[in-house]
Amino acid sequence: MTTASDIVSRSLRLIGVLGQGRITLSANELADGIDALNSMLESFSIERLMVYQILEENFPLVIGTGSYTIGVGGNFNTTRPVKIENAFLRDSSNNDYPLALIENSAFDSIPLKTVRSRPQWLFYDTQDPLAYVRLMYPPAYADTLYLNSWKQLQQFAGGSTVLALPPGYKRMIEYNLAVELQPEYPGSKLSPIVSAIAVQSKANLKRINSKIPIADVSESAMTIRGRGKRNIFTG
């Protein structure tokens, strides 16, 4: 069972701050190390290939309501997504309806925003701490919204917080944290071997987290000889 304190200690040993003559973290070293650790993992959370899962969650829609807060304490009470990968609606007969993800400019250009219908588009308004899921159109049916999204990688509240990430993350975190911490400790040394392992361990995770590409044959594609219609919101 690896804790945040174990991770910070290992990282400081890798750059020679701990080891010969001193093996115990000071309170300041632990606090600074946890702050750097959380900052690093937060940064990794916006890299798609560092995210080990696309989490599917579902939320009930309210007829006539097209905008919902999402995040801890929001209308959709869950960890705020870093990014929504895809989304769809499911009706009471278990029929599914895909939603196209659009940007703010496309959302703003849609006329008659108060007309109720089955939503076709979703705009993820990434405010913080609560983001917004904005649907167009306001739902005319009490469907269920399914979201597949990235979630932020684990954060550590204190030295005793236990690591809860899949295989491969422990080594990657320890070596990359050593690289992050080294500039803060004058006289410490960053071995080329430590730097190489930091890069390689991160690359290994990106390979295992990568998705097999699938050709997009959606209805948004142009048909033969350009005679088909194109949806301006899906491409």
C-alpha atoms as a PDB file:
ATOM      1  CA  MET A   1       0.000   0.000   0.000  1.00  0.00           C
ATOM      2  CA  THR A   2       1.705   3.166  -1.246  1.00  0.00           C
ATOM      3  CA  THR A   3       0.913   6.546   0.295  1.00  0.00           C
ATOM      4  CA  ALA A   4       1.652  10.100  -0.798  1.00  0.00           C
ATOM      5  CA  SER A   5       4.399  10.216   1.822  1.00  0.00           C
ATOM      6  CA  ASP A   6       6.006   7.109   0.279  1.00  0.00           C
ATOM      7  CA  ILE A   7       5.890   8.681  -3.197  1.00  0.00           C
ATOM      8  CA  VAL A   8       7.445  11.989  -2.116  1.00  0.00           C
ATOM      9  CA  SER A   9      10.148  10.156  -0.121  1.00  0.00           C
ATOM     10  CA  ARG A  10      11.054   7.971  -3.108  1.00  0.00           C
ATOM     11  CA  SER A  11      11.213  10.963  -5.438  1.00  0.00           C
ATOM     12  CA  LEU A  12      13.515  12.846  -3.054  1.00  0.00           C
ATOM     13  CA  ARG A  13      15.754   9.799  -2.732  1.00  0.00           C
ATOM     14  CA  LEU A  14      16.046   9.677  -6.532  1.00  0.00           C
ATOM     15  CA  ILE A  15      17.550  13.177  -6.554  1.00  0.00           C
ATOM     16  CA  GLY A  16      19.720  12.618  -3.459  1.00  0.00           C
ATOM     17  CA  VAL A  17      17.805  14.823  -0.995  1.00  0.00           C
ATOM     18  CA  LEU A  18      17.068  11.808   1.176  1.00  0.00           C
ATOM     19  CA  GLY A  19      19.267   8.765   1.559  1.00  0.00           C
ATOM     20  CA  GLN A  20      22.692   8.658   3.127  1.00  0.00           C
ATOM     21  CA  GLY A  21      22.492  10.199   6.582  1.00  0.00           C
ATOM     22  CA  ARG A  22      18.803  11.230   6.391  1.00  0.00           C
ATOM     23  CA  ILE A  23      15.834   9.065   5.534  1.00  0.00           C
ATOM     24  CA  THR A  24      12.899  10.966   7.064  1.00  0.00           C
ATOM     25  CA  LEU A  25      10.883  13.704   5.376  1.00  0.00           C
ATOM     26  CA  SER A  26      10.433  17.011   7.155  1.00  0.00           C
ATOM     27  CA  ALA A  27       6.915  18.401   7.428  1.00  0.00           C
ATOM     28  CA  ASN A  28       7.753  21.153   4.933  1.00  0.00           C
ATOM     29  CA  GLU A  29       9.227  18.676   2.455  1.00  0.00           C
ATOM     30  CA  LEU A  30       6.108  16.533   2.654  1.00  0.00           C
ATOM     31  CA  ALA A  31       3.759  19.509   2.206  1.00  0.00           C
ATOM     32  CA  ASP A  32       5.763  20.889  -0.731  1.00  0.00           C
ATOM     33  CA  GLY A  33       6.038  17.421  -2.258  1.00  0.00           C
ATOM     34  CA  ILE A  34       2.287  16.785  -2.073  1.00  0.00           C
ATOM     35  CA  ASP A  35       1.582  20.190  -3.612  1.00  0.00           C
ATOM     36  CA  ALA A  36       3.945  19.404  -6.504  1.00  0.00           C
ATOM     37  CA  LEU A  37       2.466  15.903  -6.828  1.00  0.00           C
ATOM     38  CA  ASN A  38      -1.107  17.198  -7.093  1.00  0.00           C
ATOM     39  CA  SER A  39      -0.087  19.917  -9.530  1.00  0.00           C
ATOM     40  CA  MET A  40       1.701  17.393 -11.743  1.00  0.00           C
ATOM     41  CA  LEU A  41      -1.238  14.968 -11.780  1.00  0.00           C
ATOM     42  CA  GLU A  42      -3.661  17.800 -12.515  1.00  0.00           C
ATOM     43  CA  SER A  43      -1.513  18.697 -15.522  1.00  0.00           C
ATOM     44  CA  PHE A  44      -1.403  15.068 -16.672  1.00  0.00           C
ATOM     45  CA  SER A  45      -5.227  14.991 -16.509  1.00  0.00           C
ATOM     46  CA  ILE A  46      -5.505  17.205 -19.591  1.00  0.00           C
ATOM     47  CA  GLU A  47      -3.376  14.802 -21.646  1.00  0.00           C
ATOM     48  CA  ARG A  48      -5.745  12.270 -23.215  1.00  0.00           C
ATOM     49  CA  LEU A  49      -3.213   9.435 -23.217  1.00  0.00           C
ATOM     50  CA  MET A  50      -2.507   9.857 -19.511  1.00  0.00           C
ATOM     51  CA  VAL A  51      -6.192   9.272 -18.724  1.00  0.00           C
ATOM     52  CA  TYR A  52      -6.619   5.548 -18.090  1.00  0.00           C
ATOM     53  CA  GLN A  53     -10.392   5.356 -18.479  1.00  0.00           C
ATOM     54  CA  ILE A  54     -13.303   7.027 -20.205  1.00  0.00           C
ATOM     55  CA  LEU A  55     -15.977   6.887 -17.525  1.00  0.00           C
ATOM     56  CA  GLU A  56     -19.615   6.420 -18.536  1.00  0.00           C
ATOM     57  CA  GLU A  57     -22.195   8.023 -16.272  1.00  0.00           C
ATOM     58  CA  ASN A  58     -25.904   8.695 -16.715  1.00  0.00           C
ATOM     59  CA  PHE A  59     -28.205  11.429 -15.469  1.00  0.00           C
ATOM     60  CA  PRO A  60     -31.986  11.952 -15.752  1.00  0.00           C
ATOM     61  CA  LEU A  61     -33.175  14.931 -17.782  1.00  0.00           C
ATOM     62  CA  VAL A  62     -35.989  17.268 -16.788  1.00  0.00           C
ATOM     63  CA  ILE A  63     -38.536  18.115 -19.466  1.00  0.00           C
ATOM     64  CA  GLY A  64     -38.020  21.692 -20.610  1.00  0.00           C
ATOM     65  CA  THR A  65     -34.620  22.111 -18.911  1.00  0.00           C
ATOM     66  CA  GLY A  66     -31.717  22.331 -21.349  1.00  0.00           C
ATOM     67  CA  SER A  67     -28.894  23.511 -19.051  1.00  0.00           C
ATOM     68  CA  TYR A  68     -27.430  21.576 -16.109  1.00  0.00           C
ATOM     69  CA  THR A  69     -24.503  22.231 -13.782  1.00  0.00           C
ATOM     70  CA  ILE A  70     -22.069  19.343 -13.463  1.00  0.00           C
ATOM     71  CA  GLY A  71     -19.546  18.815 -10.689  1.00  0.00           C
ATOM     72  CA  VAL A  72     -19.636  18.064  -6.975  1.00  0.00           C
ATOM     73  CA  GLY A  73     -22.880  19.573  -5.685  1.00  0.00           C
ATOM     74  CA  GLY A  74     -24.227  20.357  -9.172  1.00  0.00           C
ATOM     75  CA  ASN A  75     -27.401  19.199 -10.906  1.00  0.00           C
ATOM     76  CA  PHE A  76     -25.283  16.282 -12.117  1.00  0.00           C
ATOM     77  CA  ASN A  77     -23.495  15.534  -8.855  1.00  0.00           C
ATOM     78  CA  THR A  78     -20.215  13.944  -9.898  1.00  0.00           C
ATOM     79  CA  THR A  79     -16.562  14.836 -10.292  1.00  0.00           C
ATOM     80  CA  ARG A  80     -16.332  17.628 -12.856  1.00  0.00           C
ATOM     81  CA  PRO A  81     -15.258  16.115 -16.201  1.00  0.00           C
ATOM     82  CA  VAL A  82     -12.015  17.334 -17.713  1.00  0.00           C
ATOM     83  CA  LYS A  83     -13.525  16.701 -21.143  1.00  0.00           C
ATOM     84  CA  ILE A  84     -16.622  14.982 -22.540  1.00  0.00           C
ATOM     85  CA  GLU A  85     -15.667  12.473 -25.236  1.00  0.00           C
ATOM     86  CA  ASN A  86     -19.157  11.594 -26.441  1.00  0.00           C
ATOM     87  CA  ALA A  87     -22.756  11.558 -25.288  1.00  0.00           C
ATOM     88  CA  PHE A  88     -26.144  10.076 -26.137  1.00  0.00           C
ATOM     89  CA  LEU A  89     -29.736   9.971 -24.921  1.00  0.00           C
ATOM     90  CA  ARG A  90     -31.676   6.849 -23.957  1.00  0.00           C
ATOM     91  CA  ASP A  91     -35.457   6.856 -23.894  1.00  0.00           C
ATOM     92  CA  SER A  92     -37.824   4.779 -21.774  1.00  0.00           C
ATOM     93  CA  SER A  93     -37.848   2.015 -24.419  1.00  0.00           C
ATOM     94  CA  ASN A  94     -34.026   1.760 -24.359  1.00  0.00           C
ATOM     95  CA  ASN A  95     -33.630   3.422 -27.745  1.00  0.00           C
ATOM     96  CA  ASP A  96     -30.439   5.478 -28.018  1.00  0.00           C
ATOM     97  CA  TYR A  97     -29.989   8.839 -29.755  1.00  0.00           C
ATOM     98  CA  PRO A  98     -26.461  10.169 -30.322  1.00  0.00           C
ATOM     99  CA  LEU A  99     -25.637  13.749 -29.438  1.00  0.00           C
ATOM    100  CA  ALA A 100     -23.195  15.821 -31.472  1.00  0.00           C
ATOM    101  CA  LEU A 101     -20.673  17.758 -29.381  1.00  0.00           C
ATOM    102  CA  ILE A 102     -20.438  21.387 -30.475  1.00  0.00           C
ATOM    103  CA  GLU A 103     -18.478  24.495 -29.478  1.00  0.00           C
ATOM    104  CA  ASN A 104     -19.813  27.732 -28.047  1.00  0.00           C
ATOM    105  CA  SER A 105     -19.992  29.522 -31.412  1.00  0.00           C
ATOM    106  CA  ALA A 106     -22.106  26.748 -32.937  1.00  0.00           C
ATOM    107  CA  PHE A 107     -24.369  26.679 -29.871  1.00  0.00           C
ATOM    108  CA  ASP A 108     -24.874  30.438 -30.045  1.00  0.00           C
ATOM    109  CA  SER A 109     -25.830  30.240 -33.724  1.00  0.00           C
ATOM    110  CA  ILE A 110     -28.767  27.877 -33.125  1.00  0.00           C
ATOM    111  CA  PRO A 111     -32.094  29.786 -33.443  1.00  0.00           C
ATOM    112  CA  LEU A 112     -35.238  29.254 -31.372  1.00  0.00           C
ATOM    113  CA  LYS A 113     -33.483  27.953 -28.282  1.00  0.00           C
ATOM    114  CA  THR A 114     -36.702  27.605 -26.277  1.00  0.00           C
ATOM    115  CA  VAL A 115     -38.423  25.127 -28.605  1.00  0.00           C
ATOM    116  CA  ARG A 116     -38.775  21.764 -26.884  1.00  0.00           C
ATOM    117  CA  SER A 117     -37.656  18.691 -28.789  1.00  0.00           C
ATOM    118  CA  ARG A 118     -35.329  15.750 -28.363  1.00  0.00           C
ATOM    119  CA  PRO A 119     -31.844  17.318 -28.044  1.00  0.00           C
ATOM    120  CA  GLN A 120     -29.459  16.833 -30.959  1.00  0.00           C
ATOM    121  CA  TRP A 121     -26.413  18.780 -29.759  1.00  0.00           C
ATOM    122  CA  LEU A 122     -24.458  19.197 -26.529  1.00  0.00           C
ATOM    123  CA  PHE A 123     -22.180  22.087 -25.603  1.00  0.00           C
ATOM    124  CA  TYR A 124     -19.870  21.461 -22.642  1.00  0.00           C
ATOM    125  CA  ASP A 125     -19.310  24.843 -21.014  1.00  0.00           C
ATOM    126  CA  THR A 126     -16.129  24.233 -18.994  1.00  0.00           C
ATOM    127  CA  GLN A 127     -16.618  26.686 -16.145  1.00  0.00           C
ATOM    128  CA  ASP A 128     -15.120  25.948 -12.739  1.00  0.00           C
ATOM    129  CA  PRO A 129     -15.829  24.698 -10.102  1.00  0.00           C
ATOM    130  CA  LEU A 130     -19.176  23.778 -11.680  1.00  0.00           C
ATOM    131  CA  ALA A 131     -19.251  23.307 -15.438  1.00  0.00           C
ATOM    132  CA  TYR A 132     -22.424  23.332 -17.535  1.00  0.00           C
ATOM    133  CA  VAL A 133     -23.927  20.747 -19.863  1.00  0.00           C
ATOM    134  CA  ARG A 134     -26.055  22.733 -22.322  1.00  0.00           C
ATOM    135  CA  LEU A 135     -28.431  20.781 -24.540  1.00  0.00           C
ATOM    136  CA  MET A 136     -30.132  21.950 -27.658  1.00  0.00           C
ATOM    137  CA  TYR A 137     -33.014  21.673 -27.741  1.00  0.00           C
ATOM    138  CA  PRO A 138     -34.595  21.712 -24.262  1.00  0.00           C
ATOM    139  CA  PRO A 139     -35.818  18.121 -23.882  1.00  0.00           C
ATOM    140  CA  ALA A 140     -39.428  17.324 -24.627  1.00  0.00           C
ATOM    141  CA  TYR A 141     -39.042  13.868 -23.060  1.00  0.00           C
ATOM    142  CA  ALA A 142     -37.728  12.584 -19.739  1.00  0.00           C
ATOM    143  CA  ASP A 143     -34.802  10.780 -21.376  1.00  0.00           C
ATOM    144  CA  THR A 144     -31.585   9.764 -19.646  1.00  0.00           C
ATOM    145  CA  LEU A 145     -28.345  11.480 -20.661  1.00  0.00           C
ATOM    146  CA  TYR A 146     -25.251   9.280 -20.924  1.00  0.00           C
ATOM    147  CA  LEU A 147     -21.857  10.980 -20.784  1.00  0.00           C
ATOM    148  CA  ASN A 148     -18.478   9.411 -21.520  1.00  0.00           C
ATOM    149  CA  SER A 149     -15.815  11.676 -20.081  1.00  0.00           C
ATOM    150  CA  TRP A 150     -12.273  12.105 -18.814  1.00  0.00           C
ATOM    151  CA  LYS A 151     -11.942  12.526 -15.080  1.00  0.00           C
ATOM    152  CA  GLN A 152      -9.100  14.233 -13.257  1.00  0.00           C
ATOM    153  CA  LEU A 153      -6.409  11.875 -12.019  1.00  0.00           C
ATOM    154  CA  GLN A 154      -6.239  11.217  -8.298  1.00  0.00           C
ATOM    155  CA  GLN A 155      -5.380  14.041  -5.908  1.00  0.00           C
ATOM    156  CA  PHE A 156      -3.731  13.489  -2.520  1.00  0.00           C
ATOM    157  CA  ALA A 157      -5.226  15.196   0.541  1.00  0.00           C
ATOM    158  CA  GLY A 158      -2.290  14.389   2.829  1.00  0.00           C
ATOM    159  CA  GLY A 159       0.688  12.162   3.446  1.00  0.00           C
ATOM    160  CA  SER A 160      -1.436   9.178   4.443  1.00  0.00           C
ATOM    161  CA  THR A 161      -3.624   9.247   1.294  1.00  0.00           C
ATOM    162  CA  VAL A 162      -3.213   5.910  -0.484  1.00  0.00           C
ATOM    163  CA  LEU A 163      -2.359   5.676  -4.179  1.00  0.00           C
ATOM    164  CA  ALA A 164      -5.412   4.436  -6.107  1.00  0.00           C
ATOM    165  CA  LEU A 165      -4.270   4.250  -9.723  1.00  0.00           C
ATOM    166  CA  PRO A 166      -3.708   1.310 -12.099  1.00  0.00           C
ATOM    167  CA  PRO A 167      -0.411  -0.581 -12.584  1.00  0.00           C
ATOM    168  CA  GLY A 168       2.367   1.514 -14.060  1.00  0.00           C
ATOM    169  CA  TYR A 169       1.316   4.831 -12.514  1.00  0.00           C
ATOM    170  CA  LYS A 170       3.354   4.443  -9.305  1.00  0.00           C
ATOM    171  CA  ARG A 171       6.715   4.272 -11.089  1.00  0.00           C
ATOM    172  CA  MET A 172       5.763   6.975 -13.559  1.00  0.00           C
ATOM    173  CA  ILE A 173       4.668   9.317 -10.749  1.00  0.00           C
ATOM    174  CA  GLU A 174       7.759   8.741  -8.606  1.00  0.00           C
ATOM    175  CA  TYR A 175      10.251   9.380 -11.405  1.00  0.00           C
ATOM    176  CA  ASN A 176       8.389  12.327 -12.932  1.00  0.00           C
ATOM    177  CA  LEU A 177       7.918  13.881  -9.497  1.00  0.00           C
ATOM    178  CA  ALA A 178      11.680  13.612  -8.993  1.00  0.00           C
ATOM    179  CA  VAL A 179      12.131  15.651 -12.189  1.00  0.00           C
ATOM    180  CA  GLU A 180       9.570  18.206 -10.955  1.00  0.00           C
ATOM    181  CA  LEU A 181      11.146  18.565  -7.496  1.00  0.00           C
ATOM    182  CA  GLN A 182      14.824  18.685  -8.428  1.00  0.00           C
ATOM    183  CA  PRO A 183      14.918  22.446  -9.283  1.00  0.00           C
ATOM    184  CA  GLU A 184      13.527  23.237  -5.820  1.00  0.00           C
ATOM    185  CA  TYR A 185      16.502  21.649  -4.048  1.00  0.00           C
ATOM    186  CA  PRO A 186      19.822  23.410  -4.753  1.00  0.00           C
ATOM    187  CA  GLY A 187      22.663  20.922  -4.697  1.00  0.00           C
ATOM    188  CA  SER A 188      20.451  17.978  -5.650  1.00  0.00           C
ATOM    189  CA  LYS A 189      21.302  15.993  -8.769  1.00  0.00           C
ATOM    190  CA  LEU A 190      19.062  14.634 -11.493  1.00  0.00           C
ATOM    191  CA  SER A 191      20.615  11.535 -12.984  1.00  0.00           C
ATOM    192  CA  PRO A 192      20.186  10.994 -16.735  1.00  0.00           C
ATOM    193  CA  ILE A 193      18.893   7.550 -15.824  1.00  0.00           C
ATOM    194  CA  VAL A 194      16.118   9.075 -13.679  1.00  0.00           C
ATOM    195  CA  SER A 195      15.172  11.457 -16.510  1.00  0.00           C
ATOM    196  CA  ALA A 196      15.117   8.601 -19.014  1.00  0.00           C
ATOM    197  CA  ILE A 197      12.919   6.428 -16.795  1.00  0.00           C
ATOM    198  CA  ALA A 198      10.548   9.376 -16.240  1.00  0.00           C
ATOM    199  CA  VAL A 199      10.098   9.769 -19.993  1.00  0.00           C
ATOM    200  CA  GLN A 200       9.898   6.033 -20.702  1.00  0.00           C
ATOM    201  CA  SER A 201       7.421   5.225 -17.917  1.00  0.00           C
ATOM    202  CA  LYS A 202       5.111   7.991 -19.142  1.00  0.00           C
ATOM    203  CA  ALA A 203       5.397   6.748 -22.732  1.00  0.00           C
ATOM    204  CA  ASN A 204       4.509   3.208 -21.592  1.00  0.00           C
ATOM    205  CA  LEU A 205       1.279   4.451 -20.029  1.00  0.00           C
ATOM    206  CA  LYS A 206       0.393   6.458 -23.119  1.00  0.00           C
ATOM    207  CA  ARG A 207       0.758   3.341 -25.237  1.00  0.00           C
ATOM    208  CA  ILE A 208      -1.471   1.255 -22.989  1.00  0.00           C
ATOM    209  CA  ASN A 209      -4.062   4.069 -22.785  1.00  0.00           C
ATOM    210  CA  SER A 210      -4.192   4.693 -26.517  1.00  0.00           C
ATOM    211  CA  LYS A 211      -7.354   3.782 -28.426  1.00  0.00           C
ATOM    212  CA  ILE A 212      -7.533   1.743 -31.611  1.00  0.00           C
ATOM    213  CA  PRO A 213      -8.555   4.214 -34.349  1.00  0.00           C
ATOM    214  CA  ILE A 214     -11.941   3.588 -35.948  1.00  0.00           C
ATOM    215  CA  ALA A 215     -12.975   5.116 -39.264  1.00  0.00           C
ATOM    216  CA  ASP A 216     -15.772   7.674 -38.940  1.00  0.00           C
ATOM    217  CA  VAL A 217     -18.595   6.676 -41.263  1.00  0.00           C
ATOM    218  CA  SER A 218     -21.229   8.864 -39.605  1.00  0.00           C
ATOM    219  CA  GLU A 219     -23.968  10.629 -41.473  1.00  0.00           C
ATOM    220  CA  SER A 220     -21.959  13.833 -41.307  1.00  0.00           C
ATOM    221  CA  ALA A 221     -19.640  12.550 -44.043  1.00  0.00           C
ATOM    222  CA  MET A 222     -20.187  13.703 -47.623  1.00  0.00           C
ATOM    223  CA  THR A 223     -21.773  11.092 -49.861  1.00  0.00           C
ATOM    224  CA  ILE A 224     -20.458   9.988 -53.241  1.00  0.00           C
ATOM    225  CA  ARG A 225     -19.854  12.803 -55.753  1.00  0.00           C
ATOM    226  CA  GLY A 226     -20.718  15.449 -53.157  1.00  0.00           C
ATOM    227  CA  ARG A 227     -24.503  15.081 -53.515  1.00  0.00           C
ATOM    228  CA  GLY A 228     -25.130  14.420 -49.822  1.00  0.00           C
ATOM    229  CA  LYS A 229     -25.999  16.895 -47.097  1.00  0.00           C
ATOM    230  CA  ARG A 230     -23.530  17.942 -44.445  1.00  0.00           C
ATOM    231  CA  ASN A 231     -24.355  18.775 -40.859  1.00  0.00           C
ATOM    232  CA  ILE A 232     -22.617  22.060 -39.950  1.00  0.00           C
ATOM    233  CA  PHE A 233     -22.375  21.073 -36.283  1.00  0.00           C
ATOM    234  CA  THR A 234     -20.917  17.550 -36.677  1.00  0.00           C
ATOM    235  CA  GLY A 235     -18.614  18.299 -39.625  1.00  0.00           C
END
